[in-house]
Amino acid sequence: MDIFRSPGTAPGRNQGTAFGQFVWAVATDRTSSATIEEQTRKTLTELDRVLADLGSNRTRILSATIYLARMSDKPQMDAVWVDWIGADKSHWPQRACVGAVLEGKTLVEIVLVAAKA
């Protein structure tokens, strides 16, 4: 079985991997926008691209881990997440939020596991 990878910009790693019927993806806002809402939107847009490159989409997400530089940003991030994931509860993934020290001005990093479409 082949392994497919979606190249990233950081040395030594990629943004996504597909193997069998599963896809793993990770993203941050590369521009380090000023607000958590902007960073979350840009991160989710990048995840849409990586998922599509590897044969999946947001309706196929099995689990998500969201790393926040400031847990106090969780309500604002949640509002953007809920808008992005949609109202259809039949494809909501299992999700966790974790406080973490993130590089530079990064406020949010999201890691997904999805099924191929």
PDB file of N, CA and C in Angstrom:
ATOM      1  N   MET A   1       0.835  -1.164   0.000  1.00  0.00           N
ATOM      2  CA  MET A   1       0.000   0.000   0.000  1.00  0.00           C
ATOM      3  C   MET A   1       0.891   1.243   0.000  1.00  0.00           C
ATOM      4  N   ASP A   2       0.578   2.203  -0.862  1.00  0.00           N
ATOM      5  CA  ASP A   2       1.383   3.414  -0.975  1.00  0.00           C
ATOM      6  C   ASP A   2       1.037   4.429   0.107  1.00  0.00           C
ATOM      7  N   ILE A   3       2.011   5.258   0.443  1.00  0.00           N
ATOM      8  CA  ILE A   3       1.836   6.394   1.337  1.00  0.00           C
ATOM      9  C   ILE A   3       1.907   7.645   0.475  1.00  0.00           C
ATOM     10  N   PHE A   4       0.933   8.540   0.614  1.00  0.00           N
ATOM     11  CA  PHE A   4       0.900   9.798  -0.120  1.00  0.00           C
ATOM     12  C   PHE A   4       1.101  10.934   0.865  1.00  0.00           C
ATOM     13  N   ARG A   5       1.881  11.941   0.455  1.00  0.00           N
ATOM     14  CA  ARG A   5       2.203  13.052   1.343  1.00  0.00           C
ATOM     15  C   ARG A   5       1.902  14.387   0.663  1.00  0.00           C
ATOM     16  N   SER A   6       1.419  15.339   1.459  1.00  0.00           N
ATOM     17  CA  SER A   6       1.191  16.703   1.003  1.00  0.00           C
ATOM     18  C   SER A   6       2.310  17.556   1.590  1.00  0.00           C
ATOM     19  N   PRO A   7       3.213  18.063   0.749  1.00  0.00           N
ATOM     20  CA  PRO A   7       4.378  18.777   1.256  1.00  0.00           C
ATOM     21  C   PRO A   7       3.996  20.010   2.084  1.00  0.00           C
ATOM     22  N   GLY A   8       4.786  20.258   3.090  1.00  0.00           N
ATOM     23  CA  GLY A   8       4.640  21.463   3.895  1.00  0.00           C
ATOM     24  C   GLY A   8       5.776  22.420   3.587  1.00  0.00           C
ATOM     25  N   THR A   9       5.840  23.506   4.329  1.00  0.00           N
ATOM     26  CA  THR A   9       6.891  24.489   4.099  1.00  0.00           C
ATOM     27  C   THR A   9       8.026  24.366   5.107  1.00  0.00           C
ATOM     28  N   ALA A  10       7.793  23.675   6.208  1.00  0.00           N
ATOM     29  CA  ALA A  10       8.823  23.528   7.239  1.00  0.00           C
ATOM     30  C   ALA A  10       9.731  22.350   6.903  1.00  0.00           C
ATOM     31  N   PRO A  11      11.027  22.501   7.125  1.00  0.00           N
ATOM     32  CA  PRO A  11      11.959  21.406   6.837  1.00  0.00           C
ATOM     33  C   PRO A  11      11.660  20.163   7.677  1.00  0.00           C
ATOM     34  N   GLY A  12      11.731  19.012   7.039  1.00  0.00           N
ATOM     35  CA  GLY A  12      11.634  17.749   7.765  1.00  0.00           C
ATOM     36  C   GLY A  12      10.232  17.254   8.052  1.00  0.00           C
ATOM     37  N   ARG A  13       9.212  17.935   7.541  1.00  0.00           N
ATOM     38  CA  ARG A  13       7.848  17.460   7.801  1.00  0.00           C
ATOM     39  C   ARG A  13       6.915  17.909   6.677  1.00  0.00           C
ATOM     40  N   ASN A  14       5.741  17.290   6.644  1.00  0.00           N
ATOM     41  CA  ASN A  14       4.751  17.641   5.640  1.00  0.00           C
ATOM     42  C   ASN A  14       3.454  18.060   6.325  1.00  0.00           C
ATOM     43  N   GLN A  15       2.485  18.531   5.545  1.00  0.00           N
ATOM     44  CA  GLN A  15       1.210  18.965   6.110  1.00  0.00           C
ATOM     45  C   GLN A  15       0.188  17.859   6.188  1.00  0.00           C
ATOM     46  N   GLY A  16       0.400  16.819   5.427  1.00  0.00           N
ATOM     47  CA  GLY A  16      -0.572  15.747   5.454  1.00  0.00           C
ATOM     48  C   GLY A  16      -0.010  14.454   4.917  1.00  0.00           C
ATOM     49  N   THR A  17      -0.629  13.364   5.334  1.00  0.00           N
ATOM     50  CA  THR A  17      -0.245  12.030   4.898  1.00  0.00           C
ATOM     51  C   THR A  17      -1.510  11.212   4.711  1.00  0.00           C
ATOM     52  N   ALA A  18      -1.542  10.423   3.649  1.00  0.00           N
ATOM     53  CA  ALA A  18      -2.646   9.500   3.418  1.00  0.00           C
ATOM     54  C   ALA A  18      -2.082   8.096   3.309  1.00  0.00           C
ATOM     55  N   PHE A  19      -2.745   7.171   3.987  1.00  0.00           N
ATOM     56  CA  PHE A  19      -2.352   5.768   3.947  1.00  0.00           C
ATOM     57  C   PHE A  19      -3.627   4.948   4.084  1.00  0.00           C
ATOM     58  N   GLY A  20      -3.843   4.032   3.146  1.00  0.00           N
ATOM     59  CA  GLY A  20      -5.076   3.247   3.183  1.00  0.00           C
ATOM     60  C   GLY A  20      -6.280   4.166   3.086  1.00  0.00           C
ATOM     61  N   GLN A  21      -7.173   4.033   4.014  1.00  0.00           N
ATOM     62  CA  GLN A  21      -8.396   4.845   4.006  1.00  0.00           C
ATOM     63  C   GLN A  21      -8.335   6.026   4.975  1.00  0.00           C
ATOM     64  N   PHE A  22      -7.130   6.375   5.441  1.00  0.00           N
ATOM     65  CA  PHE A  22      -6.999   7.449   6.433  1.00  0.00           C
ATOM     66  C   PHE A  22      -6.119   8.581   5.936  1.00  0.00           C
ATOM     67  N   VAL A  23      -6.423   9.776   6.453  1.00  0.00           N
ATOM     68  CA  VAL A  23      -5.659  10.985   6.161  1.00  0.00           C
ATOM     69  C   VAL A  23      -5.324  11.659   7.485  1.00  0.00           C
ATOM     70  N   TRP A  24      -4.079  12.106   7.617  1.00  0.00           N
ATOM     71  CA  TRP A  24      -3.635  12.880   8.770  1.00  0.00           C
ATOM     72  C   TRP A  24      -3.215  14.241   8.239  1.00  0.00           C
ATOM     73  N   ALA A  25      -3.626  15.316   8.909  1.00  0.00           N
ATOM     74  CA  ALA A  25      -3.290  16.666   8.431  1.00  0.00           C
ATOM     75  C   ALA A  25      -3.020  17.587   9.614  1.00  0.00           C
ATOM     76  N   VAL A  26      -2.184  18.594   9.372  1.00  0.00           N
ATOM     77  CA  VAL A  26      -1.874  19.598  10.390  1.00  0.00           C
ATOM     78  C   VAL A  26      -1.726  20.951   9.696  1.00  0.00           C
ATOM     79  N   ALA A  27      -2.154  22.020  10.384  1.00  0.00           N
ATOM     80  CA  ALA A  27      -1.997  23.352   9.801  1.00  0.00           C
ATOM     81  C   ALA A  27      -1.969  24.423  10.878  1.00  0.00           C
ATOM     82  N   THR A  28      -1.327  25.525  10.509  1.00  0.00           N
ATOM     83  CA  THR A  28      -1.353  26.771  11.268  1.00  0.00           C
ATOM     84  C   THR A  28      -1.557  27.890  10.257  1.00  0.00           C
ATOM     85  N   ASP A  29      -1.768  29.097  10.748  1.00  0.00           N
ATOM     86  CA  ASP A  29      -1.832  30.277   9.889  1.00  0.00           C
ATOM     87  C   ASP A  29      -0.407  30.724   9.614  1.00  0.00           C
ATOM     88  N   ARG A  30       0.036  30.595   8.385  1.00  0.00           N
ATOM     89  CA  ARG A  30       1.421  30.930   8.035  1.00  0.00           C
ATOM     90  C   ARG A  30       1.731  32.423   8.163  1.00  0.00           C
ATOM     91  N   THR A  31       0.683  33.268   8.145  1.00  0.00           N
ATOM     92  CA  THR A  31       0.906  34.713   8.214  1.00  0.00           C
ATOM     93  C   THR A  31       0.900  35.229   9.642  1.00  0.00           C
ATOM     94  N   SER A  32       0.521  34.403  10.597  1.00  0.00           N
ATOM     95  CA  SER A  32       0.402  34.812  12.001  1.00  0.00           C
ATOM     96  C   SER A  32      -0.461  36.064  12.139  1.00  0.00           C
ATOM     97  N   SER A  33      -1.676  35.993  11.605  1.00  0.00           N
ATOM     98  CA  SER A  33      -2.638  37.087  11.708  1.00  0.00           C
ATOM     99  C   SER A  33      -2.800  37.525  13.153  1.00  0.00           C
ATOM    100  N   ALA A  34      -3.347  38.704  13.325  1.00  0.00           N
ATOM    101  CA  ALA A  34      -3.397  39.329  14.648  1.00  0.00           C
ATOM    102  C   ALA A  34      -4.371  38.674  15.620  1.00  0.00           C
ATOM    103  N   THR A  35      -5.493  38.148  15.132  1.00  0.00           N
ATOM    104  CA  THR A  35      -6.520  37.662  16.055  1.00  0.00           C
ATOM    105  C   THR A  35      -6.684  36.149  15.961  1.00  0.00           C
ATOM    106  N   ILE A  36      -7.216  35.580  17.011  1.00  0.00           N
ATOM    107  CA  ILE A  36      -7.486  34.134  17.017  1.00  0.00           C
ATOM    108  C   ILE A  36      -8.510  33.775  15.944  1.00  0.00           C
ATOM    109  N   GLU A  37      -9.487  34.636  15.726  1.00  0.00           N
ATOM    110  CA  GLU A  37     -10.499  34.351  14.697  1.00  0.00           C
ATOM    111  C   GLU A  37      -9.861  34.268  13.312  1.00  0.00           C
ATOM    112  N   GLU A  38      -9.006  35.246  12.984  1.00  0.00           N
ATOM    113  CA  GLU A  38      -8.337  35.232  11.676  1.00  0.00           C
ATOM    114  C   GLU A  38      -7.424  34.015  11.539  1.00  0.00           C
ATOM    115  N   GLN A  39      -6.645  33.734  12.571  1.00  0.00           N
ATOM    116  CA  GLN A  39      -5.744  32.586  12.505  1.00  0.00           C
ATOM    117  C   GLN A  39      -6.524  31.285  12.367  1.00  0.00           C
ATOM    118  N   THR A  40      -7.635  31.172  13.071  1.00  0.00           N
ATOM    119  CA  THR A  40      -8.438  29.949  12.976  1.00  0.00           C
ATOM    120  C   THR A  40      -9.005  29.800  11.569  1.00  0.00           C
ATOM    121  N   ARG A  41      -9.565  30.871  11.004  1.00  0.00           N
ATOM    122  CA  ARG A  41     -10.108  30.804   9.639  1.00  0.00           C
ATOM    123  C   ARG A  41      -9.041  30.386   8.632  1.00  0.00           C
ATOM    124  N   LYS A  42      -7.878  30.992   8.698  1.00  0.00           N
ATOM    125  CA  LYS A  42      -6.803  30.675   7.742  1.00  0.00           C
ATOM    126  C   LYS A  42      -6.296  29.247   7.934  1.00  0.00           C
ATOM    127  N   THR A  43      -6.234  28.801   9.182  1.00  0.00           N
ATOM    128  CA  THR A  43      -5.810  27.432   9.467  1.00  0.00           C
ATOM    129  C   THR A  43      -6.808  26.435   8.900  1.00  0.00           C
ATOM    130  N   LEU A  44      -8.093  26.695   9.080  1.00  0.00           N
ATOM    131  CA  LEU A  44      -9.127  25.791   8.563  1.00  0.00           C
ATOM    132  C   LEU A  44      -9.164  25.794   7.041  1.00  0.00           C
ATOM    133  N   THR A  45      -8.923  26.940   6.419  1.00  0.00           N
ATOM    134  CA  THR A  45      -8.839  27.001   4.956  1.00  0.00           C
ATOM    135  C   THR A  45      -7.685  26.142   4.451  1.00  0.00           C
ATOM    136  N   GLU A  46      -6.560  26.207   5.140  1.00  0.00           N
ATOM    137  CA  GLU A  46      -5.407  25.385   4.761  1.00  0.00           C
ATOM    138  C   GLU A  46      -5.722  23.900   4.952  1.00  0.00           C
ATOM    139  N   LEU A  47      -6.423  23.558   6.020  1.00  0.00           N
ATOM    140  CA  LEU A  47      -6.801  22.160   6.235  1.00  0.00           C
ATOM    141  C   LEU A  47      -7.745  21.667   5.143  1.00  0.00           C
ATOM    142  N   ASP A  48      -8.671  22.509   4.697  1.00  0.00           N
ATOM    143  CA  ASP A  48      -9.535  22.134   3.574  1.00  0.00           C
ATOM    144  C   ASP A  48      -8.691  21.750   2.362  1.00  0.00           C
ATOM    145  N   ARG A  49      -7.647  22.540   2.080  1.00  0.00           N
ATOM    146  CA  ARG A  49      -6.787  22.278   0.930  1.00  0.00           C
ATOM    147  C   ARG A  49      -6.027  20.961   1.090  1.00  0.00           C
ATOM    148  N   VAL A  50      -5.453  20.738   2.258  1.00  0.00           N
ATOM    149  CA  VAL A  50      -4.675  19.513   2.496  1.00  0.00           C
ATOM    150  C   VAL A  50      -5.583  18.288   2.420  1.00  0.00           C
ATOM    151  N   LEU A  51      -6.741  18.359   3.047  1.00  0.00           N
ATOM    152  CA  LEU A  51      -7.682  17.233   2.989  1.00  0.00           C
ATOM    153  C   LEU A  51      -8.055  16.919   1.545  1.00  0.00           C
ATOM    154  N   ALA A  52      -8.368  17.952   0.764  1.00  0.00           N
ATOM    155  CA  ALA A  52      -8.737  17.739  -0.640  1.00  0.00           C
ATOM    156  C   ALA A  52      -7.582  17.122  -1.424  1.00  0.00           C
ATOM    157  N   ASP A  53      -6.361  17.606  -1.190  1.00  0.00           N
ATOM    158  CA  ASP A  53      -5.181  17.054  -1.877  1.00  0.00           C
ATOM    159  C   ASP A  53      -5.028  15.561  -1.627  1.00  0.00           C
ATOM    160  N   LEU A  54      -5.474  15.118  -0.449  1.00  0.00           N
ATOM    161  CA  LEU A  54      -5.266  13.720  -0.058  1.00  0.00           C
ATOM    162  C   LEU A  54      -6.545  12.877  -0.139  1.00  0.00           C
ATOM    163  N   GLY A  55      -7.595  13.420  -0.767  1.00  0.00           N
ATOM    164  CA  GLY A  55      -8.788  12.622  -1.016  1.00  0.00           C
ATOM    165  C   GLY A  55      -9.817  12.598   0.092  1.00  0.00           C
ATOM    166  N   SER A  56      -9.899  13.675   0.872  1.00  0.00           N
ATOM    167  CA  SER A  56     -10.876  13.728   1.948  1.00  0.00           C
ATOM    168  C   SER A  56     -11.490  15.128   2.002  1.00  0.00           C
ATOM    169  N   ASN A  57     -12.280  15.371   3.023  1.00  0.00           N
ATOM    170  CA  ASN A  57     -12.881  16.691   3.224  1.00  0.00           C
ATOM    171  C   ASN A  57     -13.355  16.804   4.671  1.00  0.00           C
ATOM    172  N   ARG A  58     -13.817  17.983   5.041  1.00  0.00           N
ATOM    173  CA  ARG A  58     -14.172  18.229   6.449  1.00  0.00           C
ATOM    174  C   ARG A  58     -15.314  17.361   6.957  1.00  0.00           C
ATOM    175  N   THR A  59     -16.161  16.839   6.084  1.00  0.00           N
ATOM    176  CA  THR A  59     -17.254  15.966   6.538  1.00  0.00           C
ATOM    177  C   THR A  59     -16.763  14.572   6.906  1.00  0.00           C
ATOM    178  N   ARG A  60     -15.494  14.281   6.610  1.00  0.00           N
ATOM    179  CA  ARG A  60     -14.920  12.955   6.861  1.00  0.00           C
ATOM    180  C   ARG A  60     -13.947  12.947   8.048  1.00  0.00           C
ATOM    181  N   ILE A  61     -13.856  14.069   8.775  1.00  0.00           N
ATOM    182  CA  ILE A  61     -12.936  14.154   9.910  1.00  0.00           C
ATOM    183  C   ILE A  61     -13.405  13.231  11.028  1.00  0.00           C
ATOM    184  N   LEU A  62     -12.495  12.415  11.520  1.00  0.00           N
ATOM    185  CA  LEU A  62     -12.780  11.505  12.627  1.00  0.00           C
ATOM    186  C   LEU A  62     -12.434  12.143  13.965  1.00  0.00           C
ATOM    187  N   SER A  63     -11.276  12.804  14.019  1.00  0.00           N
ATOM    188  CA  SER A  63     -10.871  13.452  15.264  1.00  0.00           C
ATOM    189  C   SER A  63     -10.054  14.697  14.948  1.00  0.00           C
ATOM    190  N   ALA A  64     -10.116  15.658  15.871  1.00  0.00           N
ATOM    191  CA  ALA A  64      -9.352  16.899  15.750  1.00  0.00           C
ATOM    192  C   ALA A  64      -8.763  17.236  17.110  1.00  0.00           C
ATOM    193  N   THR A  65      -7.504  17.636  17.096  1.00  0.00           N
ATOM    194  CA  THR A  65      -6.870  18.166  18.294  1.00  0.00           C
ATOM    195  C   THR A  65      -6.465  19.595  17.974  1.00  0.00           C
ATOM    196  N   ILE A  66      -6.938  20.518  18.797  1.00  0.00           N
ATOM    197  CA  ILE A  66      -6.665  21.938  18.593  1.00  0.00           C
ATOM    198  C   ILE A  66      -5.755  22.408  19.717  1.00  0.00           C
ATOM    199  N   TYR A  67      -4.617  22.951  19.330  1.00  0.00           N
ATOM    200  CA  TYR A  67      -3.654  23.481  20.288  1.00  0.00           C
ATOM    201  C   TYR A  67      -3.796  25.001  20.314  1.00  0.00           C
ATOM    202  N   LEU A  68      -4.032  25.545  21.499  1.00  0.00           N
ATOM    203  CA  LEU A  68      -4.206  26.986  21.661  1.00  0.00           C
ATOM    204  C   LEU A  68      -3.095  27.560  22.524  1.00  0.00           C
ATOM    205  N   ALA A  69      -2.515  28.666  22.076  1.00  0.00           N
ATOM    206  CA  ALA A  69      -1.488  29.345  22.861  1.00  0.00           C
ATOM    207  C   ALA A  69      -2.093  29.969  24.113  1.00  0.00           C
ATOM    208  N   ARG A  70      -3.368  30.373  23.998  1.00  0.00           N
ATOM    209  CA  ARG A  70      -4.069  30.971  25.149  1.00  0.00           C
ATOM    210  C   ARG A  70      -5.449  30.318  25.250  1.00  0.00           C
ATOM    211  N   MET A  71      -5.651  29.543  26.281  1.00  0.00           N
ATOM    212  CA  MET A  71      -6.947  28.874  26.447  1.00  0.00           C
ATOM    213  C   MET A  71      -8.089  29.885  26.579  1.00  0.00           C
ATOM    214  N   SER A  72      -7.783  31.115  26.959  1.00  0.00           N
ATOM    215  CA  SER A  72      -8.817  32.152  27.029  1.00  0.00           C
ATOM    216  C   SER A  72      -9.383  32.491  25.647  1.00  0.00           C
ATOM    217  N   ASP A  73      -8.692  32.081  24.563  1.00  0.00           N
ATOM    218  CA  ASP A  73      -9.179  32.294  23.193  1.00  0.00           C
ATOM    219  C   ASP A  73     -10.167  31.230  22.740  1.00  0.00           C
ATOM    220  N   LYS A  74     -10.405  30.215  23.568  1.00  0.00           N
ATOM    221  CA  LYS A  74     -11.239  29.086  23.147  1.00  0.00           C
ATOM    222  C   LYS A  74     -12.638  29.508  22.683  1.00  0.00           C
ATOM    223  N   PRO A  75     -13.368  30.389  23.364  1.00  0.00           N
ATOM    224  CA  PRO A  75     -14.706  30.756  22.881  1.00  0.00           C
ATOM    225  C   PRO A  75     -14.690  31.382  21.477  1.00  0.00           C
ATOM    226  N   GLN A  76     -13.708  32.228  21.192  1.00  0.00           N
ATOM    227  CA  GLN A  76     -13.629  32.852  19.865  1.00  0.00           C
ATOM    228  C   GLN A  76     -13.247  31.823  18.798  1.00  0.00           C
ATOM    229  N   MET A  77     -12.302  30.934  19.141  1.00  0.00           N
ATOM    230  CA  MET A  77     -11.926  29.875  18.205  1.00  0.00           C
ATOM    231  C   MET A  77     -13.114  28.955  17.952  1.00  0.00           C
ATOM    232  N   ASP A  78     -13.843  28.604  19.019  1.00  0.00           N
ATOM    233  CA  ASP A  78     -15.019  27.736  18.892  1.00  0.00           C
ATOM    234  C   ASP A  78     -16.047  28.306  17.918  1.00  0.00           C
ATOM    235  N   ALA A  79     -16.271  29.611  17.971  1.00  0.00           N
ATOM    236  CA  ALA A  79     -17.257  30.239  17.082  1.00  0.00           C
ATOM    237  C   ALA A  79     -16.873  30.045  15.617  1.00  0.00           C
ATOM    238  N   VAL A  80     -15.594  30.207  15.303  1.00  0.00           N
ATOM    239  CA  VAL A  80     -15.126  30.008  13.924  1.00  0.00           C
ATOM    240  C   VAL A  80     -15.204  28.528  13.560  1.00  0.00           C
ATOM    241  N   TRP A  81     -14.786  27.654  14.463  1.00  0.00           N
ATOM    242  CA  TRP A  81     -14.837  26.203  14.228  1.00  0.00           C
ATOM    243  C   TRP A  81     -16.260  25.753  13.917  1.00  0.00           C
ATOM    244  N   VAL A  82     -17.220  26.164  14.742  1.00  0.00           N
ATOM    245  CA  VAL A  82     -18.611  25.734  14.581  1.00  0.00           C
ATOM    246  C   VAL A  82     -19.162  26.214  13.237  1.00  0.00           C
ATOM    247  N   ASP A  83     -18.823  27.436  12.842  1.00  0.00           N
ATOM    248  CA  ASP A  83     -19.256  27.938  11.533  1.00  0.00           C
ATOM    249  C   ASP A  83     -18.666  27.087  10.412  1.00  0.00           C
ATOM    250  N   TRP A  84     -17.399  26.701  10.537  1.00  0.00           N
ATOM    251  CA  TRP A  84     -16.700  25.926   9.513  1.00  0.00           C
ATOM    252  C   TRP A  84     -17.205  24.485   9.440  1.00  0.00           C
ATOM    253  N   ILE A  85     -17.395  23.851  10.587  1.00  0.00           N
ATOM    254  CA  ILE A  85     -17.758  22.428  10.595  1.00  0.00           C
ATOM    255  C   ILE A  85     -19.217  22.232  10.188  1.00  0.00           C
ATOM    256  N   GLY A  86     -20.049  23.258  10.372  1.00  0.00           N
ATOM    257  CA  GLY A  86     -21.430  23.213   9.896  1.00  0.00           C
ATOM    258  C   GLY A  86     -22.419  22.704  10.923  1.00  0.00           C
ATOM    259  N   ALA A  87     -23.678  22.863  10.578  1.00  0.00           N
ATOM    260  CA  ALA A  87     -24.779  22.524  11.491  1.00  0.00           C
ATOM    261  C   ALA A  87     -25.150  21.048  11.480  1.00  0.00           C
ATOM    262  N   ASP A  88     -24.714  20.313  10.460  1.00  0.00           N
ATOM    263  CA  ASP A  88     -25.083  18.905  10.337  1.00  0.00           C
ATOM    264  C   ASP A  88     -24.306  18.062  11.346  1.00  0.00           C
ATOM    265  N   LYS A  89     -24.943  17.697  12.431  1.00  0.00           N
ATOM    266  CA  LYS A  89     -24.288  16.952  13.513  1.00  0.00           C
ATOM    267  C   LYS A  89     -23.818  15.560  13.090  1.00  0.00           C
ATOM    268  N   SER A  90     -24.314  15.060  11.967  1.00  0.00           N
ATOM    269  CA  SER A  90     -23.958  13.692  11.565  1.00  0.00           C
ATOM    270  C   SER A  90     -22.488  13.557  11.176  1.00  0.00           C
ATOM    271  N   HIS A  91     -21.794  14.676  10.927  1.00  0.00           N
ATOM    272  CA  HIS A  91     -20.373  14.547  10.598  1.00  0.00           C
ATOM    273  C   HIS A  91     -19.471  15.352  11.546  1.00  0.00           C
ATOM    274  N   TRP A  92     -19.954  15.705  12.717  1.00  0.00           N
ATOM    275  CA  TRP A  92     -19.083  16.361  13.697  1.00  0.00           C
ATOM    276  C   TRP A  92     -18.059  15.355  14.218  1.00  0.00           C
ATOM    277  N   PRO A  93     -16.785  15.755  14.263  1.00  0.00           N
ATOM    278  CA  PRO A  93     -15.754  14.841  14.754  1.00  0.00           C
ATOM    279  C   PRO A  93     -15.625  14.879  16.268  1.00  0.00           C
ATOM    280  N   GLN A  94     -14.930  13.916  16.799  1.00  0.00           N
ATOM    281  CA  GLN A  94     -14.466  13.973  18.188  1.00  0.00           C
ATOM    282  C   GLN A  94     -13.405  15.055  18.192  1.00  0.00           C
ATOM    283  N   ARG A  95     -13.404  15.920  19.240  1.00  0.00           N
ATOM    284  CA  ARG A  95     -12.469  17.044  19.241  1.00  0.00           C
ATOM    285  C   ARG A  95     -11.971  17.347  20.648  1.00  0.00           C
ATOM    286  N   ALA A  96     -10.703  17.741  20.739  1.00  0.00           N
ATOM    287  CA  ALA A  96     -10.117  18.162  22.016  1.00  0.00           C
ATOM    288  C   ALA A  96      -9.356  19.459  21.801  1.00  0.00           C
ATOM    289  N   CYS A  97      -9.345  20.301  22.828  1.00  0.00           N
ATOM    290  CA  CYS A  97      -8.541  21.531  22.827  1.00  0.00           C
ATOM    291  C   CYS A  97      -7.512  21.415  23.937  1.00  0.00           C
ATOM    292  N   VAL A  98      -6.290  21.796  23.605  1.00  0.00           N
ATOM    293  CA  VAL A  98      -5.183  21.666  24.540  1.00  0.00           C
ATOM    294  C   VAL A  98      -4.424  22.992  24.569  1.00  0.00           C
ATOM    295  N   GLY A  99      -4.091  23.474  25.758  1.00  0.00           N
ATOM    296  CA  GLY A  99      -3.224  24.635  25.880  1.00  0.00           C
ATOM    297  C   GLY A  99      -1.794  24.216  25.585  1.00  0.00           C
ATOM    298  N   ALA A 100      -1.078  25.027  24.795  1.00  0.00           N
ATOM    299  CA  ALA A 100       0.283  24.664  24.394  1.00  0.00           C
ATOM    300  C   ALA A 100       1.113  25.911  24.135  1.00  0.00           C
ATOM    301  N   VAL A 101       2.397  25.779  24.303  1.00  0.00           N
ATOM    302  CA  VAL A 101       3.311  26.840  23.901  1.00  0.00           C
ATOM    303  C   VAL A 101       3.547  26.652  22.407  1.00  0.00           C
ATOM    304  N   LEU A 102       3.162  27.650  21.605  1.00  0.00           N
ATOM    305  CA  LEU A 102       3.316  27.576  20.156  1.00  0.00           C
ATOM    306  C   LEU A 102       4.387  28.566  19.700  1.00  0.00           C
ATOM    307  N   GLU A 103       4.976  28.283  18.562  1.00  0.00           N
ATOM    308  CA  GLU A 103       6.090  29.088  18.060  1.00  0.00           C
ATOM    309  C   GLU A 103       5.660  30.491  17.643  1.00  0.00           C
ATOM    310  N   GLY A 104       6.483  31.459  17.957  1.00  0.00           N
ATOM    311  CA  GLY A 104       6.285  32.830  17.495  1.00  0.00           C
ATOM    312  C   GLY A 104       4.932  33.398  17.876  1.00  0.00           C
ATOM    313  N   LYS A 105       4.245  33.954  16.878  1.00  0.00           N
ATOM    314  CA  LYS A 105       2.936  34.573  17.107  1.00  0.00           C
ATOM    315  C   LYS A 105       1.778  33.630  16.785  1.00  0.00           C
ATOM    316  N   THR A 106       2.073  32.354  16.638  1.00  0.00           N
ATOM    317  CA  THR A 106       1.034  31.370  16.348  1.00  0.00           C
ATOM    318  C   THR A 106       0.124  31.216  17.560  1.00  0.00           C
ATOM    319  N   LEU A 107      -1.180  31.358  17.324  1.00  0.00           N
ATOM    320  CA  LEU A 107      -2.173  31.232  18.391  1.00  0.00           C
ATOM    321  C   LEU A 107      -2.905  29.903  18.354  1.00  0.00           C
ATOM    322  N   VAL A 108      -2.937  29.247  17.176  1.00  0.00           N
ATOM    323  CA  VAL A 108      -3.693  28.004  17.031  1.00  0.00           C
ATOM    324  C   VAL A 108      -2.997  27.078  16.031  1.00  0.00           C
ATOM    325  N   GLU A 109      -2.988  25.792  16.373  1.00  0.00           N
ATOM    326  CA  GLU A 109      -2.501  24.744  15.462  1.00  0.00           C
ATOM    327  C   GLU A 109      -3.521  23.612  15.551  1.00  0.00           C
ATOM    328  N   ILE A 110      -3.904  23.082  14.399  1.00  0.00           N
ATOM    329  CA  ILE A 110      -4.951  22.047  14.371  1.00  0.00           C
ATOM    330  C   ILE A 110      -4.416  20.804  13.673  1.00  0.00           C
ATOM    331  N   VAL A 111      -4.642  19.647  14.331  1.00  0.00           N
ATOM    332  CA  VAL A 111      -4.237  18.344  13.805  1.00  0.00           C
ATOM    333  C   VAL A 111      -5.500  17.511  13.603  1.00  0.00           C
ATOM    334  N   LEU A 112      -5.645  16.924  12.426  1.00  0.00           N
ATOM    335  CA  LEU A 112      -6.849  16.143  12.092  1.00  0.00           C
ATOM    336  C   LEU A 112      -6.490  14.720  11.677  1.00  0.00           C
ATOM    337  N   VAL A 113      -7.439  13.825  11.918  1.00  0.00           N
ATOM    338  CA  VAL A 113      -7.434  12.494  11.326  1.00  0.00           C
ATOM    339  C   VAL A 113      -8.776  12.367  10.621  1.00  0.00           C
ATOM    340  N   ALA A 114      -8.737  11.966   9.352  1.00  0.00           N
ATOM    341  CA  ALA A 114      -9.970  11.858   8.566  1.00  0.00           C
ATOM    342  C   ALA A 114      -9.981  10.558   7.778  1.00  0.00           C
ATOM    343  N   ALA A 115     -11.165  10.167   7.378  1.00  0.00           N
ATOM    344  CA  ALA A 115     -11.323   9.042   6.457  1.00  0.00           C
ATOM    345  C   ALA A 115     -11.303   9.583   5.032  1.00  0.00           C
ATOM    346  N   LYS A 116     -10.778   8.799   4.113  1.00  0.00           N
ATOM    347  CA  LYS A 116     -10.829   9.209   2.719  1.00  0.00           C
ATOM    348  C   LYS A 116     -12.268   9.229   2.241  1.00  0.00           C
ATOM    349  N   ALA A 117     -12.535  10.098   1.288  1.00  0.00           N
ATOM    350  CA  ALA A 117     -13.896  10.220   0.732  1.00  0.00           C
ATOM    351  C   ALA A 117     -14.183   9.083  -0.219  1.00  0.00           C
TER     352      ALA A 117
END
